[in-house]
Amino acid sequence: MSVSCLHDPGVFLSELEKTLTRQVKPEKAESLKVGLDLGTASIVLVVLGADNRPLAAAREFASVVKDGLVVDFSKARAITGRLKSALEEALEVELTETAIAVPPGTSERDVMTHGYVASGAGLEVTTVMDEPSAANLVLGIRNGAIADIGGGTTGVAVLQDGEVIHSFDEPTGGTHVSLVLAGHHRIGFEEAEQLKQDPAKSKQNFPIIVPVLQKMGTIIRTGLAGFPIEEIHLVGGTAAIPGIERIIGMETKCKVTVSTVPILVTPAGIAMSFKSGG
C-alpha cells in the first residue's frame, strides 16, 4: 500500500490537518475510506478518498477511554455520532462503515466494545488494526521504532522489514503532564490541559514537566531493550510538546524524530487500513 497519493508522509499529514477546518468534497462515485480513533484524550474521525487523498478530519476532546478501554460508552457514542454527522454534512455523503484500531494485546471483548461505540453511532466496523501497524501505514518505516505517546499511555513498537515484531505499552502520557501542571500551578485539570496546549507558555512549562517526559523516555527505553534500534519516531498528541524529542533522546540514546502533526498519524493510518464490508 502506498503511503499516500502525495508520496510524502509530512505533506500528507499537513494536507490532512487542513481538512480539520476546510473539508474537500469527494468526486462523484469516489470510494471513501473512514477511520475512527478512540483515544484517551480525544476521538478523531478521518475520511480519505481515492489513493488516500485527504478529504476530511474531525476531532473532539474526550475522556472516555482509559488504557485502551472504553470507560464511558454513552459519551463515546455521542461524540462519535457528532463527528460523523459533521463530516457527512460537510462532504454531502453518508458514512456507514469504518475501520478502528486498538492497542496491541487488547482483548477480544474490549475490541468489541470499541465496535459497539462505532455501531451505536451508525458506523459498521469492517476493519480492525493494531495501533502501531496503523501508524506505520502513514510513516512507512522499514526498520526502527514507533513510540506513540497519547493521553494515557506511552506505547512502543519495534519494526523489522515493515512489520511490527514487538510492542510494549505502559501508563504515562499527556494526562500525567496535565496533572503535574495542575499541581504545580494549583489549578484545575481542565485549566492545566489548556495551559499545556498554549504555545506561548511552552518554555515556562517545560522545566516543570521534564520529569514526566523522562519517565516516558524510560518506558520507551525499557520497551526497546534487546533490540538494536537507531531511530525512534514519535507520534501521538503528547509528541507535539516542544522539546520532547530532546528528552526522549537523552533517555534512550537514540535519534528521535517527531512526526508532522503527530496526533493525526494513527487516525490517518486507521483510515488507510479501511476495507469495505460491502
C-alpha atoms as a PDB file:
ATOM      1  CA  MET A   1       0.000   0.000   0.000  1.00  0.00           C
ATOM      2  CA  SER A   2       1.335   3.398  -0.921  1.00  0.00           C
ATOM      3  CA  VAL A   3       1.895   5.826   1.929  1.00  0.00           C
ATOM      4  CA  SER A   4      -0.343   8.362   0.215  1.00  0.00           C
ATOM      5  CA  CYS A   5      -1.126   9.884  -3.125  1.00  0.00           C
ATOM      6  CA  LEU A   6       1.324  12.616  -2.127  1.00  0.00           C
ATOM      7  CA  HIS A   7       4.221  10.152  -1.584  1.00  0.00           C
ATOM      8  CA  ASP A   8       5.417  12.122   1.425  1.00  0.00           C
ATOM      9  CA  PRO A   9       4.103  11.457   4.960  1.00  0.00           C
ATOM     10  CA  GLY A  10       4.814  15.025   6.078  1.00  0.00           C
ATOM     11  CA  VAL A  11       2.968  16.591   3.151  1.00  0.00           C
ATOM     12  CA  PHE A  12       0.117  14.100   3.511  1.00  0.00           C
ATOM     13  CA  LEU A  13      -0.331  14.870   7.214  1.00  0.00           C
ATOM     14  CA  SER A  14      -0.153  18.618   6.622  1.00  0.00           C
ATOM     15  CA  GLU A  15      -2.862  18.328   3.961  1.00  0.00           C
ATOM     16  CA  LEU A  16      -4.973  16.191   6.290  1.00  0.00           C
ATOM     17  CA  GLU A  17      -4.592  18.750   9.082  1.00  0.00           C
ATOM     18  CA  LYS A  18      -6.050  21.414   6.784  1.00  0.00           C
ATOM     19  CA  THR A  19      -9.239  19.352   6.454  1.00  0.00           C
ATOM     20  CA  LEU A  20      -9.959  19.841  10.161  1.00  0.00           C
ATOM     21  CA  THR A  21     -11.252  23.274   9.132  1.00  0.00           C
ATOM     22  CA  ARG A  22     -11.649  23.007   5.344  1.00  0.00           C
ATOM     23  CA  GLN A  23     -13.081  19.745   4.067  1.00  0.00           C
ATOM     24  CA  VAL A  24     -12.692  18.549   0.468  1.00  0.00           C
ATOM     25  CA  LYS A  25     -15.809  17.128  -1.149  1.00  0.00           C
ATOM     26  CA  PRO A  26     -15.324  13.754  -2.861  1.00  0.00           C
ATOM     27  CA  GLU A  27     -15.704  13.288  -6.573  1.00  0.00           C
ATOM     28  CA  LYS A  28     -18.866  11.620  -7.834  1.00  0.00           C
ATOM     29  CA  ALA A  29     -18.757   7.889  -7.004  1.00  0.00           C
ATOM     30  CA  GLU A  30     -15.298   8.266  -5.406  1.00  0.00           C
ATOM     31  CA  SER A  31     -14.599   5.423  -2.990  1.00  0.00           C
ATOM     32  CA  LEU A  32     -14.108   6.578   0.592  1.00  0.00           C
ATOM     33  CA  LYS A  33     -12.033   5.242   3.468  1.00  0.00           C
ATOM     34  CA  VAL A  34     -13.107   6.017   7.018  1.00  0.00           C
ATOM     35  CA  GLY A  35     -11.071   5.633  10.197  1.00  0.00           C
ATOM     36  CA  LEU A  36     -12.219   6.109  13.800  1.00  0.00           C
ATOM     37  CA  ASP A  37      -9.653   6.570  16.558  1.00  0.00           C
ATOM     38  CA  LEU A  38     -10.992   6.333  20.124  1.00  0.00           C
ATOM     39  CA  GLY A  39      -8.128   7.904  22.021  1.00  0.00           C
ATOM     40  CA  THR A  40      -7.606   8.615  25.700  1.00  0.00           C
ATOM     41  CA  ALA A  41      -7.741  12.388  25.270  1.00  0.00           C
ATOM     42  CA  SER A  42      -9.757  12.774  22.077  1.00  0.00           C
ATOM     43  CA  ILE A  43     -11.812  10.994  19.432  1.00  0.00           C
ATOM     44  CA  VAL A  44     -10.781  11.521  15.811  1.00  0.00           C
ATOM     45  CA  LEU A  45     -12.666  10.621  12.629  1.00  0.00           C
ATOM     46  CA  VAL A  46     -10.832  10.717   9.291  1.00  0.00           C
ATOM     47  CA  VAL A  47     -12.138  10.348   5.733  1.00  0.00           C
ATOM     48  CA  LEU A  48      -9.820   9.680   2.806  1.00  0.00           C
ATOM     49  CA  GLY A  49     -10.652   9.432  -0.881  1.00  0.00           C
ATOM     50  CA  ALA A  50      -9.114   7.596  -3.801  1.00  0.00           C
ATOM     51  CA  ASP A  51      -5.372   6.942  -3.409  1.00  0.00           C
ATOM     52  CA  ASN A  52      -5.656   8.094   0.221  1.00  0.00           C
ATOM     53  CA  ARG A  53      -6.492  11.667  -0.750  1.00  0.00           C
ATOM     54  CA  PRO A  54      -7.244  13.681   2.419  1.00  0.00           C
ATOM     55  CA  LEU A  55     -10.880  14.770   2.418  1.00  0.00           C
ATOM     56  CA  ALA A  56     -11.905  15.437   5.994  1.00  0.00           C
ATOM     57  CA  ALA A  57     -10.946  15.084   9.629  1.00  0.00           C
ATOM     58  CA  ALA A  58     -12.821  15.936  12.805  1.00  0.00           C
ATOM     59  CA  ARG A  59     -11.681  15.820  16.407  1.00  0.00           C
ATOM     60  CA  GLU A  60     -13.248  16.312  19.821  1.00  0.00           C
ATOM     61  CA  PHE A  61     -11.541  16.189  23.199  1.00  0.00           C
ATOM     62  CA  ALA A  62     -12.951  13.483  25.459  1.00  0.00           C
ATOM     63  CA  SER A  63     -12.065  11.389  28.491  1.00  0.00           C
ATOM     64  CA  VAL A  64     -13.940   8.250  27.514  1.00  0.00           C
ATOM     65  CA  VAL A  65     -11.094   5.768  27.118  1.00  0.00           C
ATOM     66  CA  LYS A  66      -8.558   4.660  29.717  1.00  0.00           C
ATOM     67  CA  ASP A  67      -5.615   2.381  28.914  1.00  0.00           C
ATOM     68  CA  GLY A  68      -7.298   1.355  25.664  1.00  0.00           C
ATOM     69  CA  LEU A  69     -10.612   0.501  27.370  1.00  0.00           C
ATOM     70  CA  VAL A  70     -13.870   2.394  26.798  1.00  0.00           C
ATOM     71  CA  VAL A  71     -14.960   3.642  30.227  1.00  0.00           C
ATOM     72  CA  ASP A  72     -17.827   5.944  29.155  1.00  0.00           C
ATOM     73  CA  PHE A  73     -19.759   4.219  26.378  1.00  0.00           C
ATOM     74  CA  SER A  74     -22.607   6.740  26.141  1.00  0.00           C
ATOM     75  CA  LYS A  75     -20.330   9.754  25.845  1.00  0.00           C
ATOM     76  CA  ALA A  76     -18.036   7.991  23.349  1.00  0.00           C
ATOM     77  CA  ARG A  77     -21.010   7.077  21.188  1.00  0.00           C
ATOM     78  CA  ALA A  78     -22.437  10.602  21.366  1.00  0.00           C
ATOM     79  CA  ILE A  79     -19.150  12.234  20.365  1.00  0.00           C
ATOM     80  CA  THR A  80     -18.601   9.769  17.521  1.00  0.00           C
ATOM     81  CA  GLY A  81     -22.120  10.478  16.309  1.00  0.00           C
ATOM     82  CA  ARG A  82     -21.483  14.237  16.326  1.00  0.00           C
ATOM     83  CA  LEU A  83     -18.243  13.856  14.373  1.00  0.00           C
ATOM     84  CA  LYS A  84     -19.940  11.554  11.865  1.00  0.00           C
ATOM     85  CA  SER A  85     -22.846  13.974  11.340  1.00  0.00           C
ATOM     86  CA  ALA A  86     -20.499  16.941  10.933  1.00  0.00           C
ATOM     87  CA  LEU A  87     -18.432  15.214   8.248  1.00  0.00           C
ATOM     88  CA  GLU A  88     -21.497  13.864   6.459  1.00  0.00           C
ATOM     89  CA  GLU A  89     -22.876  17.395   6.227  1.00  0.00           C
ATOM     90  CA  ALA A  90     -19.555  18.820   5.042  1.00  0.00           C
ATOM     91  CA  LEU A  91     -18.924  16.104   2.459  1.00  0.00           C
ATOM     92  CA  GLU A  92     -22.593  15.632   1.472  1.00  0.00           C
ATOM     93  CA  VAL A  93     -22.278  11.848   1.718  1.00  0.00           C
ATOM     94  CA  GLU A  94     -23.486   9.208   4.155  1.00  0.00           C
ATOM     95  CA  LEU A  95     -20.774   7.420   6.139  1.00  0.00           C
ATOM     96  CA  THR A  96     -21.835   3.881   7.036  1.00  0.00           C
ATOM     97  CA  GLU A  97     -18.613   1.916   7.633  1.00  0.00           C
ATOM     98  CA  THR A  98     -15.316   2.493   9.392  1.00  0.00           C
ATOM     99  CA  ALA A  99     -12.015   0.977  10.382  1.00  0.00           C
ATOM    100  CA  ILE A 100     -10.863   1.118  14.015  1.00  0.00           C
ATOM    101  CA  ALA A 101      -7.606   0.372  15.830  1.00  0.00           C
ATOM    102  CA  VAL A 102      -6.764  -0.820  19.329  1.00  0.00           C
ATOM    103  CA  PRO A 103      -3.554  -1.132  21.361  1.00  0.00           C
ATOM    104  CA  PRO A 104      -1.611  -4.385  20.876  1.00  0.00           C
ATOM    105  CA  GLY A 105      -2.813  -7.138  23.177  1.00  0.00           C
ATOM    106  CA  THR A 106      -6.327  -5.721  23.564  1.00  0.00           C
ATOM    107  CA  SER A 107      -8.765  -8.498  24.447  1.00  0.00           C
ATOM    108  CA  GLU A 108     -11.459  -9.553  22.012  1.00  0.00           C
ATOM    109  CA  ARG A 109     -14.108  -8.305  24.418  1.00  0.00           C
ATOM    110  CA  ASP A 110     -12.569  -4.829  24.547  1.00  0.00           C
ATOM    111  CA  VAL A 111     -12.256  -4.765  20.754  1.00  0.00           C
ATOM    112  CA  MET A 112     -15.978  -5.499  20.608  1.00  0.00           C
ATOM    113  CA  THR A 113     -16.661  -2.564  22.951  1.00  0.00           C
ATOM    114  CA  HIS A 114     -14.867  -0.221  20.547  1.00  0.00           C
ATOM    115  CA  GLY A 115     -17.020  -1.696  17.817  1.00  0.00           C
ATOM    116  CA  TYR A 116     -20.180  -1.069  19.822  1.00  0.00           C
ATOM    117  CA  VAL A 117     -19.271   2.607  20.109  1.00  0.00           C
ATOM    118  CA  ALA A 118     -18.920   2.853  16.325  1.00  0.00           C
ATOM    119  CA  SER A 119     -22.079   0.897  15.564  1.00  0.00           C
ATOM    120  CA  GLY A 120     -24.015   2.888  18.156  1.00  0.00           C
ATOM    121  CA  ALA A 121     -23.089   5.999  16.156  1.00  0.00           C
ATOM    122  CA  GLY A 122     -24.162   4.396  12.867  1.00  0.00           C
ATOM    123  CA  LEU A 123     -20.793   3.113  11.647  1.00  0.00           C
ATOM    124  CA  GLU A 124     -20.303  -0.589  10.954  1.00  0.00           C
ATOM    125  CA  VAL A 125     -16.761  -1.744  11.772  1.00  0.00           C
ATOM    126  CA  THR A 126     -15.300  -3.581   8.786  1.00  0.00           C
ATOM    127  CA  THR A 127     -11.585  -3.430   9.652  1.00  0.00           C
ATOM    128  CA  VAL A 128      -9.666  -3.718  12.939  1.00  0.00           C
ATOM    129  CA  MET A 129      -5.968  -2.801  13.139  1.00  0.00           C
ATOM    130  CA  ASP A 130      -3.432  -2.614  15.931  1.00  0.00           C
ATOM    131  CA  GLU A 131      -2.380   0.987  16.505  1.00  0.00           C
ATOM    132  CA  PRO A 132       1.364   0.699  15.695  1.00  0.00           C
ATOM    133  CA  SER A 133       0.645  -1.019  12.382  1.00  0.00           C
ATOM    134  CA  ALA A 134      -1.890   1.683  11.547  1.00  0.00           C
ATOM    135  CA  ALA A 135       0.619   4.438  12.316  1.00  0.00           C
ATOM    136  CA  ASN A 136       3.191   2.755  10.123  1.00  0.00           C
ATOM    137  CA  LEU A 137       0.855   2.774   7.124  1.00  0.00           C
ATOM    138  CA  VAL A 138       1.463   6.532   7.193  1.00  0.00           C
ATOM    139  CA  LEU A 139       5.135   6.605   8.171  1.00  0.00           C
ATOM    140  CA  GLY A 140       6.292   3.656   6.056  1.00  0.00           C
ATOM    141  CA  ILE A 141       9.145   2.675   8.387  1.00  0.00           C
ATOM    142  CA  ARG A 142      11.036  -0.456   7.379  1.00  0.00           C
ATOM    143  CA  ASN A 143      13.302  -0.840  10.394  1.00  0.00           C
ATOM    144  CA  GLY A 144      13.177   1.174  13.590  1.00  0.00           C
ATOM    145  CA  ALA A 145      10.687   2.023  16.317  1.00  0.00           C
ATOM    146  CA  ILE A 146       7.492   3.990  16.742  1.00  0.00           C
ATOM    147  CA  ALA A 147       6.666   5.478  20.132  1.00  0.00           C
ATOM    148  CA  ASP A 148       3.026   6.506  20.431  1.00  0.00           C
ATOM    149  CA  ILE A 149       2.632   8.949  23.315  1.00  0.00           C
ATOM    150  CA  GLY A 150      -1.041   9.551  23.814  1.00  0.00           C
ATOM    151  CA  GLY A 151      -3.160  10.928  26.578  1.00  0.00           C
ATOM    152  CA  GLY A 152      -2.973   7.939  28.876  1.00  0.00           C
ATOM    153  CA  THR A 153      -0.148   5.673  27.777  1.00  0.00           C
ATOM    154  CA  THR A 154       3.233   5.508  26.094  1.00  0.00           C
ATOM    155  CA  GLY A 155       3.414   2.644  23.626  1.00  0.00           C
ATOM    156  CA  VAL A 156       6.410   1.333  21.730  1.00  0.00           C
ATOM    157  CA  ALA A 157       6.524  -0.812  18.595  1.00  0.00           C
ATOM    158  CA  VAL A 158       9.634  -2.315  17.001  1.00  0.00           C
ATOM    159  CA  LEU A 159       9.513  -2.716  13.227  1.00  0.00           C
ATOM    160  CA  GLN A 160      11.524  -5.114  11.124  1.00  0.00           C
ATOM    161  CA  ASP A 161      11.068  -5.222   7.366  1.00  0.00           C
ATOM    162  CA  GLY A 162       7.972  -3.094   7.809  1.00  0.00           C
ATOM    163  CA  GLU A 163       6.272  -5.455  10.256  1.00  0.00           C
ATOM    164  CA  VAL A 164       5.667  -4.988  13.989  1.00  0.00           C
ATOM    165  CA  ILE A 165       7.688  -7.687  15.764  1.00  0.00           C
ATOM    166  CA  HIS A 166       7.422  -6.388  19.334  1.00  0.00           C
ATOM    167  CA  SER A 167       5.196  -3.947  21.217  1.00  0.00           C
ATOM    168  CA  PHE A 168       5.104  -2.571  24.737  1.00  0.00           C
ATOM    169  CA  ASP A 169       2.660  -0.218  26.451  1.00  0.00           C
ATOM    170  CA  GLU A 170       2.628   1.407  29.877  1.00  0.00           C
ATOM    171  CA  PRO A 171       0.524   4.120  31.570  1.00  0.00           C
ATOM    172  CA  THR A 172       2.030   7.639  31.431  1.00  0.00           C
ATOM    173  CA  GLY A 173       1.017  10.174  28.840  1.00  0.00           C
ATOM    174  CA  GLY A 174      -0.387  13.617  28.279  1.00  0.00           C
ATOM    175  CA  THR A 175      -2.841  13.283  31.149  1.00  0.00           C
ATOM    176  CA  HIS A 176       0.089  12.946  33.552  1.00  0.00           C
ATOM    177  CA  VAL A 177       1.686  16.081  32.091  1.00  0.00           C
ATOM    178  CA  SER A 178      -1.536  17.971  32.798  1.00  0.00           C
ATOM    179  CA  LEU A 179      -1.712  16.603  36.337  1.00  0.00           C
ATOM    180  CA  VAL A 180       1.825  17.822  37.052  1.00  0.00           C
ATOM    181  CA  LEU A 181       0.993  21.288  35.696  1.00  0.00           C
ATOM    182  CA  ALA A 182      -2.214  21.372  37.725  1.00  0.00           C
ATOM    183  CA  GLY A 183      -0.345  20.504  40.911  1.00  0.00           C
ATOM    184  CA  HIS A 184       2.480  22.967  40.308  1.00  0.00           C
ATOM    185  CA  HIS A 185       0.215  25.898  39.484  1.00  0.00           C
ATOM    186  CA  ARG A 186      -2.568  24.845  41.870  1.00  0.00           C
ATOM    187  CA  ILE A 187      -5.191  24.953  39.143  1.00  0.00           C
ATOM    188  CA  GLY A 188      -7.899  22.571  37.942  1.00  0.00           C
ATOM    189  CA  PHE A 189      -7.210  19.785  35.459  1.00  0.00           C
ATOM    190  CA  GLU A 190      -9.155  21.408  32.600  1.00  0.00           C
ATOM    191  CA  GLU A 191      -7.228  24.647  33.024  1.00  0.00           C
ATOM    192  CA  ALA A 192      -3.983  22.668  33.092  1.00  0.00           C
ATOM    193  CA  GLU A 193      -4.977  20.979  29.823  1.00  0.00           C
ATOM    194  CA  GLN A 194      -5.389  24.381  28.202  1.00  0.00           C
ATOM    195  CA  LEU A 195      -2.122  25.598  29.682  1.00  0.00           C
ATOM    196  CA  LYS A 196      -0.308  22.551  28.293  1.00  0.00           C
ATOM    197  CA  GLN A 197      -1.549  23.321  24.786  1.00  0.00           C
ATOM    198  CA  ASP A 198      -0.696  27.036  24.873  1.00  0.00           C
ATOM    199  CA  PRO A 199       2.404  27.552  22.654  1.00  0.00           C
ATOM    200  CA  ALA A 200       3.145  30.849  24.407  1.00  0.00           C
ATOM    201  CA  LYS A 201       3.547  29.019  27.733  1.00  0.00           C
ATOM    202  CA  SER A 202       5.599  26.063  26.489  1.00  0.00           C
ATOM    203  CA  LYS A 203       9.004  27.441  27.554  1.00  0.00           C
ATOM    204  CA  GLN A 204       7.994  28.170  31.120  1.00  0.00           C
ATOM    205  CA  ASN A 205       6.128  24.860  31.419  1.00  0.00           C
ATOM    206  CA  PHE A 206       8.955  22.738  30.080  1.00  0.00           C
ATOM    207  CA  PRO A 207      11.161  22.554  33.217  1.00  0.00           C
ATOM    208  CA  ILE A 208       8.083  21.602  35.251  1.00  0.00           C
ATOM    209  CA  ILE A 209       7.167  18.638  33.050  1.00  0.00           C
ATOM    210  CA  VAL A 210      10.678  17.325  32.339  1.00  0.00           C
ATOM    211  CA  PRO A 211      10.367  14.533  34.975  1.00  0.00           C
ATOM    212  CA  VAL A 212       7.231  13.219  33.239  1.00  0.00           C
ATOM    213  CA  LEU A 213       8.964  13.295  29.846  1.00  0.00           C
ATOM    214  CA  GLN A 214      11.917  11.455  31.376  1.00  0.00           C
ATOM    215  CA  LYS A 215       9.512   8.788  32.632  1.00  0.00           C
ATOM    216  CA  MET A 216       8.210   8.408  29.078  1.00  0.00           C
ATOM    217  CA  GLY A 217      11.783   8.048  27.869  1.00  0.00           C
ATOM    218  CA  THR A 218      12.399   5.342  30.468  1.00  0.00           C
ATOM    219  CA  ILE A 219       9.282   3.475  29.299  1.00  0.00           C
ATOM    220  CA  ILE A 220      10.472   3.652  25.700  1.00  0.00           C
ATOM    221  CA  ARG A 221      13.990   2.541  26.640  1.00  0.00           C
ATOM    222  CA  THR A 222      12.560  -0.424  28.556  1.00  0.00           C
ATOM    223  CA  GLY A 223      10.312  -1.367  25.654  1.00  0.00           C
ATOM    224  CA  LEU A 224      13.243  -1.349  23.248  1.00  0.00           C
ATOM    225  CA  ALA A 225      15.626  -3.331  25.457  1.00  0.00           C
ATOM    226  CA  GLY A 226      17.364  -6.055  23.468  1.00  0.00           C
ATOM    227  CA  PHE A 227      16.604  -4.528  20.064  1.00  0.00           C
ATOM    228  CA  PRO A 228      19.285  -2.683  18.031  1.00  0.00           C
ATOM    229  CA  ILE A 229      17.261   0.481  17.416  1.00  0.00           C
ATOM    230  CA  GLU A 230      18.961   3.566  15.999  1.00  0.00           C
ATOM    231  CA  GLU A 231      15.948   5.835  15.392  1.00  0.00           C
ATOM    232  CA  ILE A 232      12.659   6.363  17.206  1.00  0.00           C
ATOM    233  CA  HIS A 233       9.687   8.071  15.555  1.00  0.00           C
ATOM    234  CA  LEU A 234       7.303   9.856  17.937  1.00  0.00           C
ATOM    235  CA  VAL A 235       3.562  10.026  17.225  1.00  0.00           C
ATOM    236  CA  GLY A 236       0.502  10.809  19.347  1.00  0.00           C
ATOM    237  CA  GLY A 237      -0.806  14.088  20.715  1.00  0.00           C
ATOM    238  CA  THR A 238       1.731  14.389  23.517  1.00  0.00           C
ATOM    239  CA  ALA A 239       4.569  14.112  20.988  1.00  0.00           C
ATOM    240  CA  ALA A 240       3.704  17.659  19.918  1.00  0.00           C
ATOM    241  CA  ILE A 241       5.201  19.105  23.128  1.00  0.00           C
ATOM    242  CA  PRO A 242       8.168  21.251  22.004  1.00  0.00           C
ATOM    243  CA  GLY A 243      11.476  19.756  23.119  1.00  0.00           C
ATOM    244  CA  ILE A 244      10.138  16.285  23.929  1.00  0.00           C
ATOM    245  CA  GLU A 245      12.414  14.672  21.346  1.00  0.00           C
ATOM    246  CA  ARG A 246      15.496  16.005  23.164  1.00  0.00           C
ATOM    247  CA  ILE A 247      14.468  14.456  26.483  1.00  0.00           C
ATOM    248  CA  ILE A 248      13.466  11.138  24.905  1.00  0.00           C
ATOM    249  CA  GLY A 249      16.744  11.093  23.012  1.00  0.00           C
ATOM    250  CA  MET A 250      18.760  11.652  26.187  1.00  0.00           C
ATOM    251  CA  GLU A 251      16.930   8.823  27.949  1.00  0.00           C
ATOM    252  CA  THR A 252      17.135   6.315  25.092  1.00  0.00           C
ATOM    253  CA  LYS A 253      20.466   7.295  23.488  1.00  0.00           C
ATOM    254  CA  CYS A 254      18.741   7.098  20.100  1.00  0.00           C
ATOM    255  CA  LYS A 255      17.999   9.555  17.345  1.00  0.00           C
ATOM    256  CA  VAL A 256      14.436  10.793  17.928  1.00  0.00           C
ATOM    257  CA  THR A 257      12.195  12.484  15.380  1.00  0.00           C
ATOM    258  CA  VAL A 258       8.672  13.824  15.815  1.00  0.00           C
ATOM    259  CA  SER A 259       6.188  13.202  13.033  1.00  0.00           C
ATOM    260  CA  THR A 260       4.431  16.058  11.315  1.00  0.00           C
ATOM    261  CA  VAL A 261       1.047  16.609  13.055  1.00  0.00           C
ATOM    262  CA  PRO A 262       1.694  13.626  15.362  1.00  0.00           C
ATOM    263  CA  ILE A 263      -1.874  13.409  16.686  1.00  0.00           C
ATOM    264  CA  LEU A 264      -3.203  12.574  13.194  1.00  0.00           C
ATOM    265  CA  VAL A 265      -0.746   9.801  12.333  1.00  0.00           C
ATOM    266  CA  THR A 266      -2.633   6.875  13.847  1.00  0.00           C
ATOM    267  CA  PRO A 267      -6.134   8.096  12.831  1.00  0.00           C
ATOM    268  CA  ALA A 268      -4.902   8.561   9.257  1.00  0.00           C
ATOM    269  CA  GLY A 269      -3.378   5.074   9.255  1.00  0.00           C
ATOM    270  CA  ILE A 270      -6.632   3.619  10.536  1.00  0.00           C
ATOM    271  CA  ALA A 271      -8.459   5.185   7.596  1.00  0.00           C
ATOM    272  CA  MET A 272      -5.786   3.863   5.207  1.00  0.00           C
ATOM    273  CA  SER A 273      -6.443   0.340   6.504  1.00  0.00           C
ATOM    274  CA  PHE A 274     -10.167   0.560   5.710  1.00  0.00           C
ATOM    275  CA  LYS A 275     -11.738  -2.190   3.639  1.00  0.00           C
ATOM    276  CA  SER A 276     -15.421  -2.024   2.859  1.00  0.00           C
ATOM    277  CA  GLY A 277     -17.579  -4.856   4.087  1.00  0.00           C
ATOM    278  CA  GLY A 278     -19.907  -4.421   1.155  1.00  0.00           C
END
